Structures are given as structure tokens and as C-alpha cells.
Amino acid sequence: MGRVTVVGLSDAKAKLSSIIDDVVHKGDTVLIQRRGRKVAAIVPFEKFRKGRVSKKENGGLLAAVGALADVDSEIINKFVEHVYEARTKAVDRKVDF
């Protein structure tokens, strides 16, 4: 299993061939930053492919990690409230809150 490194975008551009070699041959993961914020990742293809397996095959919600990063928090809060309300009204199972 490879290491995880973080590089700036300009360094990634300059060293792309070397980065790809490390990812392919060592299994490394490289996170790319722009202006101090992580914006992309270069990962081994097998890791990428496994991450694209359907939610049912890949642990349910675990497959959705990061999927809502760009969604307004107010929308998420309303959704969560709706879920809790629906669960309290469910008659098919006991739910403790």
C-alpha cells in the first residue's frame, strides 16, 4: 500500500510524469492543492474503480462520502429533519432518539 502525499498544482504540473509513476508502481495517492485547498486526487486505477462500485455493493452510505460537499447546509439540515420526522412516525420499527 502506497503513501499519501499533497502537492501544489504547479508542482503537480511540473512533475506529472513522476507522480504517475509513483501512483502506478508504488500505489501512492497524490492530493493536489490549489491556493491551499485540496481540489483533486490522483489514485491508482483499481482504487478509483472500486470507489465507483454501486452503493449496494460498496457499503451503502460510505460510498457517498463527499458527494454532498457542494450542497447548501440549509438544504442538508432540512433533509435530515425530514428523515428524523419520518423515522419517529414509522410504525414498522422502534427508533430511540
PDB file of N, CA and C in Angstrom:
ATOM      1  N   MET A   1       0.845  -1.177   0.000  1.00  0.00           N
ATOM      2  CA  MET A   1       0.000   0.000   0.000  1.00  0.00           C
ATOM      3  C   MET A   1       0.886   1.233   0.000  1.00  0.00           C
ATOM      4  N   GLY A   2       0.564   2.188  -0.841  1.00  0.00           N
ATOM      5  CA  GLY A   2       1.384   3.378  -1.006  1.00  0.00           C
ATOM      6  C   GLY A   2       1.093   4.461   0.017  1.00  0.00           C
ATOM      7  N   ARG A   3       1.847   5.498  -0.102  1.00  0.00           N
ATOM      8  CA  ARG A   3       1.707   6.640   0.799  1.00  0.00           C
ATOM      9  C   ARG A   3       0.781   7.678   0.183  1.00  0.00           C
ATOM     10  N   VAL A   4       0.363   8.631   0.997  1.00  0.00           N
ATOM     11  CA  VAL A   4      -0.447   9.745   0.535  1.00  0.00           C
ATOM     12  C   VAL A   4       0.401  11.001   0.659  1.00  0.00           C
ATOM     13  N   THR A   5       0.511  11.745  -0.434  1.00  0.00           N
ATOM     14  CA  THR A   5       1.256  12.996  -0.413  1.00  0.00           C
ATOM     15  C   THR A   5       0.376  14.113  -0.949  1.00  0.00           C
ATOM     16  N   VAL A   6       0.717  15.330  -0.561  1.00  0.00           N
ATOM     17  CA  VAL A   6      -0.009  16.511  -1.011  1.00  0.00           C
ATOM     18  C   VAL A   6       0.977  17.392  -1.767  1.00  0.00           C
ATOM     19  N   VAL A   7       0.590  17.816  -2.972  1.00  0.00           N
ATOM     20  CA  VAL A   7       1.442  18.703  -3.765  1.00  0.00           C
ATOM     21  C   VAL A   7       0.613  19.869  -4.285  1.00  0.00           C
ATOM     22  N   GLY A   8       1.281  20.979  -4.501  1.00  0.00           N
ATOM     23  CA  GLY A   8       0.626  22.129  -5.102  1.00  0.00           C
ATOM     24  C   GLY A   8       0.382  21.878  -6.584  1.00  0.00           C
ATOM     25  N   LEU A   9      -0.563  22.603  -7.143  1.00  0.00           N
ATOM     26  CA  LEU A   9      -0.925  22.412  -8.542  1.00  0.00           C
ATOM     27  C   LEU A   9       0.254  22.655  -9.477  1.00  0.00           C
ATOM     28  N   SER A  10       1.033  23.703  -9.236  1.00  0.00           N
ATOM     29  CA  SER A  10       2.166  23.981 -10.132  1.00  0.00           C
ATOM     30  C   SER A  10       3.206  22.866 -10.061  1.00  0.00           C
ATOM     31  N   ASP A  11       3.453  22.313  -8.858  1.00  0.00           N
ATOM     32  CA  ASP A  11       4.380  21.177  -8.728  1.00  0.00           C
ATOM     33  C   ASP A  11       3.818  19.942  -9.438  1.00  0.00           C
ATOM     34  N   ALA A  12       2.516  19.733  -9.327  1.00  0.00           N
ATOM     35  CA  ALA A  12       1.898  18.579  -9.979  1.00  0.00           C
ATOM     36  C   ALA A  12       2.052  18.677 -11.496  1.00  0.00           C
ATOM     37  N   LYS A  13       1.874  19.882 -12.022  1.00  0.00           N
ATOM     38  CA  LYS A  13       2.058  20.067 -13.469  1.00  0.00           C
ATOM     39  C   LYS A  13       3.495  19.754 -13.872  1.00  0.00           C
ATOM     40  N   ALA A  14       4.441  20.262 -13.096  1.00  0.00           N
ATOM     41  CA  ALA A  14       5.852  20.102 -13.433  1.00  0.00           C
ATOM     42  C   ALA A  14       6.332  18.661 -13.282  1.00  0.00           C
ATOM     43  N   LYS A  15       5.728  17.916 -12.364  1.00  0.00           N
ATOM     44  CA  LYS A  15       6.214  16.568 -12.039  1.00  0.00           C
ATOM     45  C   LYS A  15       5.195  15.480 -12.362  1.00  0.00           C
ATOM     46  N   LEU A  16       4.275  15.763 -13.274  1.00  0.00           N
ATOM     47  CA  LEU A  16       3.172  14.829 -13.526  1.00  0.00           C
ATOM     48  C   LEU A  16       3.667  13.427 -13.888  1.00  0.00           C
ATOM     49  N   SER A  17       4.652  13.324 -14.734  1.00  0.00           N
ATOM     50  CA  SER A  17       5.155  12.005 -15.133  1.00  0.00           C
ATOM     51  C   SER A  17       5.669  11.220 -13.930  1.00  0.00           C
ATOM     52  N   SER A  18       6.419  11.875 -13.076  1.00  0.00           N
ATOM     53  CA  SER A  18       6.949  11.227 -11.875  1.00  0.00           C
ATOM     54  C   SER A  18       5.828  10.843 -10.915  1.00  0.00           C
ATOM     55  N   ILE A  19       4.841  11.717 -10.783  1.00  0.00           N
ATOM     56  CA  ILE A  19       3.685  11.433  -9.911  1.00  0.00           C
ATOM     57  C   ILE A  19       2.948  10.195 -10.420  1.00  0.00           C
ATOM     58  N   ILE A  20       2.714  10.135 -11.722  1.00  0.00           N
ATOM     59  CA  ILE A  20       2.014   8.986 -12.303  1.00  0.00           C
ATOM     60  C   ILE A  20       2.814   7.702 -12.062  1.00  0.00           C
ATOM     61  N   ASP A  21       4.132   7.768 -12.222  1.00  0.00           N
ATOM     62  CA  ASP A  21       4.966   6.584 -11.953  1.00  0.00           C
ATOM     63  C   ASP A  21       4.799   6.102 -10.517  1.00  0.00           C
ATOM     64  N   ASP A  22       4.810   7.035  -9.550  1.00  0.00           N
ATOM     65  CA  ASP A  22       4.647   6.655  -8.141  1.00  0.00           C
ATOM     66  C   ASP A  22       3.273   6.053  -7.878  1.00  0.00           C
ATOM     67  N   VAL A  23       2.257   6.604  -8.519  1.00  0.00           N
ATOM     68  CA  VAL A  23       0.899   6.084  -8.334  1.00  0.00           C
ATOM     69  C   VAL A  23       0.790   4.681  -8.926  1.00  0.00           C
ATOM     70  N   VAL A  24       1.312   4.504 -10.126  1.00  0.00           N
ATOM     71  CA  VAL A  24       1.202   3.214 -10.811  1.00  0.00           C
ATOM     72  C   VAL A  24       2.067   2.139 -10.165  1.00  0.00           C
ATOM     73  N   HIS A  25       3.304   2.472  -9.869  1.00  0.00           N
ATOM     74  CA  HIS A  25       4.249   1.446  -9.423  1.00  0.00           C
ATOM     75  C   HIS A  25       4.312   1.258  -7.911  1.00  0.00           C
ATOM     76  N   LYS A  26       4.005   2.301  -7.148  1.00  0.00           N
ATOM     77  CA  LYS A  26       4.095   2.204  -5.686  1.00  0.00           C
ATOM     78  C   LYS A  26       2.725   2.202  -5.011  1.00  0.00           C
ATOM     79  N   GLY A  27       1.683   2.495  -5.776  1.00  0.00           N
ATOM     80  CA  GLY A  27       0.350   2.549  -5.190  1.00  0.00           C
ATOM     81  C   GLY A  27       0.077   3.820  -4.404  1.00  0.00           C
ATOM     82  N   ASP A  28       0.899   4.857  -4.621  1.00  0.00           N
ATOM     83  CA  ASP A  28       0.721   6.123  -3.895  1.00  0.00           C
ATOM     84  C   ASP A  28      -0.565   6.816  -4.315  1.00  0.00           C
ATOM     85  N   THR A  29      -1.046   7.677  -3.438  1.00  0.00           N
ATOM     86  CA  THR A  29      -2.144   8.588  -3.735  1.00  0.00           C
ATOM     87  C   THR A  29      -1.583   9.996  -3.611  1.00  0.00           C
ATOM     88  N   VAL A  30      -1.880  10.844  -4.584  1.00  0.00           N
ATOM     89  CA  VAL A  30      -1.385  12.219  -4.560  1.00  0.00           C
ATOM     90  C   VAL A  30      -2.573  13.165  -4.559  1.00  0.00           C
ATOM     91  N   LEU A  31      -2.632  13.991  -3.534  1.00  0.00           N
ATOM     92  CA  LEU A  31      -3.669  15.016  -3.427  1.00  0.00           C
ATOM     93  C   LEU A  31      -3.104  16.314  -3.960  1.00  0.00           C
ATOM     94  N   ILE A  32      -3.873  16.992  -4.795  1.00  0.00           N
ATOM     95  CA  ILE A  32      -3.407  18.232  -5.410  1.00  0.00           C
ATOM     96  C   ILE A  32      -4.141  19.411  -4.786  1.00  0.00           C
ATOM     97  N   GLN A  33      -3.348  20.404  -4.392  1.00  0.00           N
ATOM     98  CA  GLN A  33      -3.891  21.620  -3.774  1.00  0.00           C
ATOM     99  C   GLN A  33      -3.807  22.790  -4.744  1.00  0.00           C
ATOM    100  N   ARG A  34      -4.788  23.657  -4.636  1.00  0.00           N
ATOM    101  CA  ARG A  34      -4.735  24.948  -5.326  1.00  0.00           C
ATOM    102  C   ARG A  34      -5.119  26.002  -4.302  1.00  0.00           C
ATOM    103  N   ARG A  35      -4.234  26.948  -4.095  1.00  0.00           N
ATOM    104  CA  ARG A  35      -4.439  28.008  -3.101  1.00  0.00           C
ATOM    105  C   ARG A  35      -4.711  27.433  -1.714  1.00  0.00           C
ATOM    106  N   GLY A  36      -3.980  26.362  -1.364  1.00  0.00           N
ATOM    107  CA  GLY A  36      -4.085  25.769  -0.035  1.00  0.00           C
ATOM    108  C   GLY A  36      -5.280  24.865   0.189  1.00  0.00           C
ATOM    109  N   ARG A  37      -6.086  24.636  -0.843  1.00  0.00           N
ATOM    110  CA  ARG A  37      -7.281  23.799  -0.711  1.00  0.00           C
ATOM    111  C   ARG A  37      -7.153  22.572  -1.614  1.00  0.00           C
ATOM    112  N   LYS A  38      -7.411  21.395  -1.062  1.00  0.00           N
ATOM    113  CA  LYS A  38      -7.331  20.167  -1.851  1.00  0.00           C
ATOM    114  C   LYS A  38      -8.442  20.185  -2.906  1.00  0.00           C
ATOM    115  N   VAL A  39      -8.052  20.002  -4.175  1.00  0.00           N
ATOM    116  CA  VAL A  39      -9.021  20.093  -5.263  1.00  0.00           C
ATOM    117  C   VAL A  39      -9.109  18.839  -6.130  1.00  0.00           C
ATOM    118  N   ALA A  40      -8.105  17.956  -6.033  1.00  0.00           N
ATOM    119  CA  ALA A  40      -8.112  16.755  -6.880  1.00  0.00           C
ATOM    120  C   ALA A  40      -7.233  15.682  -6.249  1.00  0.00           C
ATOM    121  N   ALA A  41      -7.402  14.472  -6.746  1.00  0.00           N
ATOM    122  CA  ALA A  41      -6.582  13.352  -6.270  1.00  0.00           C
ATOM    123  C   ALA A  41      -6.195  12.482  -7.456  1.00  0.00           C
ATOM    124  N   ILE A  42      -4.970  12.019  -7.429  1.00  0.00           N
ATOM    125  CA  ILE A  42      -4.514  11.031  -8.403  1.00  0.00           C
ATOM    126  C   ILE A  42      -4.335   9.736  -7.615  1.00  0.00           C
ATOM    127  N   VAL A  43      -5.118   8.738  -7.997  1.00  0.00           N
ATOM    128  CA  VAL A  43      -5.124   7.473  -7.259  1.00  0.00           C
ATOM    129  C   VAL A  43      -4.887   6.324  -8.222  1.00  0.00           C
ATOM    130  N   PRO A  44      -4.411   5.191  -7.700  1.00  0.00           N
ATOM    131  CA  PRO A  44      -4.297   4.013  -8.561  1.00  0.00           C
ATOM    132  C   PRO A  44      -5.650   3.669  -9.178  1.00  0.00           C
ATOM    133  N   PHE A  45      -5.644   3.207 -10.425  1.00  0.00           N
ATOM    134  CA  PHE A  45      -6.898   2.949 -11.120  1.00  0.00           C
ATOM    135  C   PHE A  45      -7.790   1.966 -10.367  1.00  0.00           C
ATOM    136  N   GLU A  46      -7.215   0.929  -9.776  1.00  0.00           N
ATOM    137  CA  GLU A  46      -8.026  -0.052  -9.039  1.00  0.00           C
ATOM    138  C   GLU A  46      -8.765   0.612  -7.878  1.00  0.00           C
ATOM    139  N   LYS A  47      -8.106   1.522  -7.186  1.00  0.00           N
ATOM    140  CA  LYS A  47      -8.757   2.235  -6.083  1.00  0.00           C
ATOM    141  C   LYS A  47      -9.905   3.090  -6.627  1.00  0.00           C
ATOM    142  N   PHE A  48      -9.683   3.753  -7.747  1.00  0.00           N
ATOM    143  CA  PHE A  48     -10.728   4.549  -8.387  1.00  0.00           C
ATOM    144  C   PHE A  48     -11.898   3.673  -8.800  1.00  0.00           C
ATOM    145  N   ARG A  49     -11.581   2.548  -9.440  1.00  0.00           N
ATOM    146  CA  ARG A  49     -12.636   1.644  -9.915  1.00  0.00           C
ATOM    147  C   ARG A  49     -13.466   1.115  -8.754  1.00  0.00           C
ATOM    148  N   LYS A  50     -12.800   0.731  -7.671  1.00  0.00           N
ATOM    149  CA  LYS A  50     -13.523   0.229  -6.502  1.00  0.00           C
ATOM    150  C   LYS A  50     -14.413   1.303  -5.903  1.00  0.00           C
ATOM    151  N   GLY A  51     -13.987   2.537  -5.965  1.00  0.00           N
ATOM    152  CA  GLY A  51     -14.783   3.643  -5.444  1.00  0.00           C
ATOM    153  C   GLY A  51     -16.013   3.939  -6.265  1.00  0.00           C
ATOM    154  N   ARG A  52     -16.055   3.429  -7.490  1.00  0.00           N
ATOM    155  CA  ARG A  52     -17.191   3.672  -8.378  1.00  0.00           C
ATOM    156  C   ARG A  52     -18.184   2.516  -8.399  1.00  0.00           C
ATOM    157  N   VAL A  53     -17.970   1.502  -7.562  1.00  0.00           N
ATOM    158  CA  VAL A  53     -18.900   0.376  -7.457  1.00  0.00           C
ATOM    159  C   VAL A  53     -20.200   0.895  -6.850  1.00  0.00           C
ATOM    160  N   SER A  54     -21.297   0.300  -7.206  1.00  0.00           N
ATOM    161  CA  SER A  54     -22.592   0.774  -6.709  1.00  0.00           C
ATOM    162  C   SER A  54     -22.636   0.776  -5.188  1.00  0.00           C
ATOM    163  N   LYS A  55     -23.468   1.669  -4.638  1.00  0.00           N
ATOM    164  CA  LYS A  55     -23.595   1.803  -3.183  1.00  0.00           C
ATOM    165  C   LYS A  55     -23.968   0.467  -2.537  1.00  0.00           C
ATOM    166  N   LYS A  56     -24.835  -0.279  -3.180  1.00  0.00           N
ATOM    167  CA  LYS A  56     -25.274  -1.553  -2.619  1.00  0.00           C
ATOM    168  C   LYS A  56     -24.083  -2.506  -2.447  1.00  0.00           C
ATOM    169  N   GLU A  57     -23.161  -2.482  -3.394  1.00  0.00           N
ATOM    170  CA  GLU A  57     -22.002  -3.363  -3.340  1.00  0.00           C
ATOM    171  C   GLU A  57     -20.882  -2.789  -2.483  1.00  0.00           C
ATOM    172  N   ASN A  58     -20.918  -1.491  -2.202  1.00  0.00           N
ATOM    173  CA  ASN A  58     -19.776  -0.836  -1.556  1.00  0.00           C
ATOM    174  C   ASN A  58     -20.131  -0.209  -0.210  1.00  0.00           C
ATOM    175  N   GLY A  59     -20.976  -0.822   0.572  1.00  0.00           N
ATOM    176  CA  GLY A  59     -21.206  -0.361   1.926  1.00  0.00           C
ATOM    177  C   GLY A  59     -22.198   0.772   2.094  1.00  0.00           C
ATOM    178  N   GLY A  60     -23.161   0.913   1.221  1.00  0.00           N
ATOM    179  CA  GLY A  60     -24.218   1.899   1.398  1.00  0.00           C
ATOM    180  C   GLY A  60     -23.721   3.330   1.402  1.00  0.00           C
ATOM    181  N   LEU A  61     -24.019   4.061   2.470  1.00  0.00           N
ATOM    182  CA  LEU A  61     -23.689   5.483   2.530  1.00  0.00           C
ATOM    183  C   LEU A  61     -22.198   5.766   2.508  1.00  0.00           C
ATOM    184  N   LEU A  62     -21.382   4.796   2.867  1.00  0.00           N
ATOM    185  CA  LEU A  62     -19.947   5.007   2.817  1.00  0.00           C
ATOM    186  C   LEU A  62     -19.511   5.404   1.410  1.00  0.00           C
ATOM    187  N   ALA A  63     -20.193   4.905   0.409  1.00  0.00           N
ATOM    188  CA  ALA A  63     -19.863   5.237  -0.970  1.00  0.00           C
ATOM    189  C   ALA A  63     -20.199   6.684  -1.311  1.00  0.00           C
ATOM    190  N   ALA A  64     -21.000   7.342  -0.490  1.00  0.00           N
ATOM    191  CA  ALA A  64     -21.428   8.714  -0.773  1.00  0.00           C
ATOM    192  C   ALA A  64     -20.580   9.764  -0.066  1.00  0.00           C
ATOM    193  N   VAL A  65     -19.536   9.375   0.621  1.00  0.00           N
ATOM    194  CA  VAL A  65     -18.700  10.324   1.348  1.00  0.00           C
ATOM    195  C   VAL A  65     -18.221  11.406   0.392  1.00  0.00           C
ATOM    196  N   GLY A  66     -18.486  12.645   0.755  1.00  0.00           N
ATOM    197  CA  GLY A  66     -18.057  13.776  -0.054  1.00  0.00           C
ATOM    198  C   GLY A  66     -19.024  14.164  -1.158  1.00  0.00           C
ATOM    199  N   ALA A  67     -20.033  13.363  -1.408  1.00  0.00           N
ATOM    200  CA  ALA A  67     -20.942  13.634  -2.511  1.00  0.00           C
ATOM    201  C   ALA A  67     -21.764  14.905  -2.316  1.00  0.00           C
ATOM    202  N   LEU A  68     -21.971  15.313  -1.084  1.00  0.00           N
ATOM    203  CA  LEU A  68     -22.796  16.496  -0.812  1.00  0.00           C
ATOM    204  C   LEU A  68     -21.969  17.723  -0.427  1.00  0.00           C
ATOM    205  N   ALA A  69     -20.691  17.706  -0.724  1.00  0.00           N
ATOM    206  CA  ALA A  69     -19.803  18.791  -0.294  1.00  0.00           C
ATOM    207  C   ALA A  69     -20.234  20.154  -0.829  1.00  0.00           C
ATOM    208  N   ASP A  70     -20.844  20.207  -1.999  1.00  0.00           N
ATOM    209  CA  ASP A  70     -21.229  21.483  -2.602  1.00  0.00           C
ATOM    210  C   ASP A  70     -22.691  21.848  -2.357  1.00  0.00           C
ATOM    211  N   VAL A  71     -23.400  21.042  -1.582  1.00  0.00           N
ATOM    212  CA  VAL A  71     -24.809  21.319  -1.313  1.00  0.00           C
ATOM    213  C   VAL A  71     -24.923  22.266  -0.118  1.00  0.00           C
ATOM    214  N   ASP A  72     -25.803  23.250  -0.244  1.00  0.00           N
ATOM    215  CA  ASP A  72     -26.024  24.230   0.818  1.00  0.00           C
ATOM    216  C   ASP A  72     -26.408  23.515   2.116  1.00  0.00           C
ATOM    217  N   SER A  73     -25.784  23.911   3.222  1.00  0.00           N
ATOM    218  CA  SER A  73     -26.017  23.245   4.504  1.00  0.00           C
ATOM    219  C   SER A  73     -27.471  23.362   4.959  1.00  0.00           C
ATOM    220  N   GLU A  74     -28.165  24.409   4.585  1.00  0.00           N
ATOM    221  CA  GLU A  74     -29.575  24.551   4.954  1.00  0.00           C
ATOM    222  C   GLU A  74     -30.416  23.454   4.305  1.00  0.00           C
ATOM    223  N   ILE A  75     -30.121  23.113   3.088  1.00  0.00           N
ATOM    224  CA  ILE A  75     -30.838  22.030   2.395  1.00  0.00           C
ATOM    225  C   ILE A  75     -30.572  20.707   3.094  1.00  0.00           C
ATOM    226  N   ILE A  76     -29.323  20.480   3.467  1.00  0.00           N
ATOM    227  CA  ILE A  76     -28.980  19.238   4.168  1.00  0.00           C
ATOM    228  C   ILE A  76     -29.693  19.182   5.510  1.00  0.00           C
ATOM    229  N   ASN A  77     -29.691  20.291   6.252  1.00  0.00           N
ATOM    230  CA  ASN A  77     -30.371  20.322   7.556  1.00  0.00           C
ATOM    231  C   ASN A  77     -31.851  20.014   7.418  1.00  0.00           C
ATOM    232  N   LYS A  78     -32.515  20.577   6.421  1.00  0.00           N
ATOM    233  CA  LYS A  78     -33.947  20.301   6.204  1.00  0.00           C
ATOM    234  C   LYS A  78     -34.164  18.831   5.853  1.00  0.00           C
ATOM    235  N   PHE A  79     -33.276  18.281   5.055  1.00  0.00           N
ATOM    236  CA  PHE A  79     -33.376  16.867   4.692  1.00  0.00           C
ATOM    237  C   PHE A  79     -33.249  15.983   5.927  1.00  0.00           C
ATOM    238  N   VAL A  80     -32.251  16.277   6.774  1.00  0.00           N
ATOM    239  CA  VAL A  80     -32.035  15.491   7.992  1.00  0.00           C
ATOM    240  C   VAL A  80     -33.256  15.592   8.907  1.00  0.00           C
ATOM    241  N   GLU A  81     -33.797  16.794   9.064  1.00  0.00           N
ATOM    242  CA  GLU A  81     -35.013  16.958   9.872  1.00  0.00           C
ATOM    243  C   GLU A  81     -36.148  16.107   9.323  1.00  0.00           C
ATOM    244  N   HIS A  82     -36.293  16.096   8.015  1.00  0.00           N
ATOM    245  CA  HIS A  82     -37.343  15.297   7.379  1.00  0.00           C
ATOM    246  C   HIS A  82     -37.141  13.808   7.669  1.00  0.00           C
ATOM    247  N   VAL A  83     -35.911  13.346   7.596  1.00  0.00           N
ATOM    248  CA  VAL A  83     -35.614  11.941   7.869  1.00  0.00           C
ATOM    249  C   VAL A  83     -35.964  11.589   9.308  1.00  0.00           C
ATOM    250  N   TYR A  84     -35.535  12.433  10.264  1.00  0.00           N
ATOM    251  CA  TYR A  84     -35.852  12.168  11.666  1.00  0.00           C
ATOM    252  C   TYR A  84     -37.360  12.170  11.908  1.00  0.00           C
ATOM    253  N   GLU A  85     -38.065  13.096  11.298  1.00  0.00           N
ATOM    254  CA  GLU A  85     -39.523  13.154  11.458  1.00  0.00           C
ATOM    255  C   GLU A  85     -40.173  11.886  10.903  1.00  0.00           C
ATOM    256  N   ALA A  86     -39.717  11.451   9.740  1.00  0.00           N
ATOM    257  CA  ALA A  86     -40.273  10.235   9.139  1.00  0.00           C
ATOM    258  C   ALA A  86     -39.983   9.016  10.007  1.00  0.00           C
ATOM    259  N   ARG A  87     -38.797   8.977  10.592  1.00  0.00           N
ATOM    260  CA  ARG A  87     -38.448   7.832  11.439  1.00  0.00           C
ATOM    261  C   ARG A  87     -39.287   7.796  12.707  1.00  0.00           C
ATOM    262  N   THR A  88     -39.584   8.943  13.281  1.00  0.00           N
ATOM    263  CA  THR A  88     -40.393   8.942  14.504  1.00  0.00           C
ATOM    264  C   THR A  88     -41.817   8.501  14.224  1.00  0.00           C
ATOM    265  N   LYS A  89     -42.280   8.688  12.991  1.00  0.00           N
ATOM    266  CA  LYS A  89     -43.631   8.276  12.623  1.00  0.00           C
ATOM    267  C   LYS A  89     -43.704   6.846  12.122  1.00  0.00           C
ATOM    268  N   ALA A  90     -42.553   6.222  11.903  1.00  0.00           N
ATOM    269  CA  ALA A  90     -42.529   4.858  11.366  1.00  0.00           C
ATOM    270  C   ALA A  90     -43.131   3.893  12.378  1.00  0.00           C
ATOM    271  N   VAL A  91     -43.940   2.992  11.898  1.00  0.00           N
ATOM    272  CA  VAL A  91     -44.582   2.020  12.778  1.00  0.00           C
ATOM    273  C   VAL A  91     -43.966   0.620  12.619  1.00  0.00           C
ATOM    274  N   ASP A  92     -43.081   0.472  11.654  1.00  0.00           N
ATOM    275  CA  ASP A  92     -42.523  -0.846  11.389  1.00  0.00           C
ATOM    276  C   ASP A  92     -41.301  -1.177  12.239  1.00  0.00           C
ATOM    277  N   ARG A  93     -40.780  -0.186  12.993  1.00  0.00           N
ATOM    278  CA  ARG A  93     -39.643  -0.454  13.881  1.00  0.00           C
ATOM    279  C   ARG A  93     -39.571   0.602  14.968  1.00  0.00           C
ATOM    280  N   LYS A  94     -38.972   0.196  16.086  1.00  0.00           N
ATOM    281  CA  LYS A  94     -38.808   1.112  17.203  1.00  0.00           C
ATOM    282  C   LYS A  94     -37.525   1.917  16.997  1.00  0.00           C
ATOM    283  N   VAL A  95     -37.608   3.236  17.162  1.00  0.00           N
ATOM    284  CA  VAL A  95     -36.444   4.100  16.979  1.00  0.00           C
ATOM    285  C   VAL A  95     -36.321   4.983  18.213  1.00  0.00           C
ATOM    286  N   ASP A  96     -35.143   4.939  18.863  1.00  0.00           N
ATOM    287  CA  ASP A  96     -34.890   5.797  20.023  1.00  0.00           C
ATOM    288  C   ASP A  96     -34.070   6.995  19.595  1.00  0.00           C
ATOM    289  N   PHE A  97     -34.494   8.180  20.032  1.00  0.00           N
ATOM    290  CA  PHE A  97     -33.742   9.406  19.755  1.00  0.00           C
ATOM    291  C   PHE A  97     -33.355  10.051  21.060  1.00  0.00           C
TER     292      PHE A  97
END
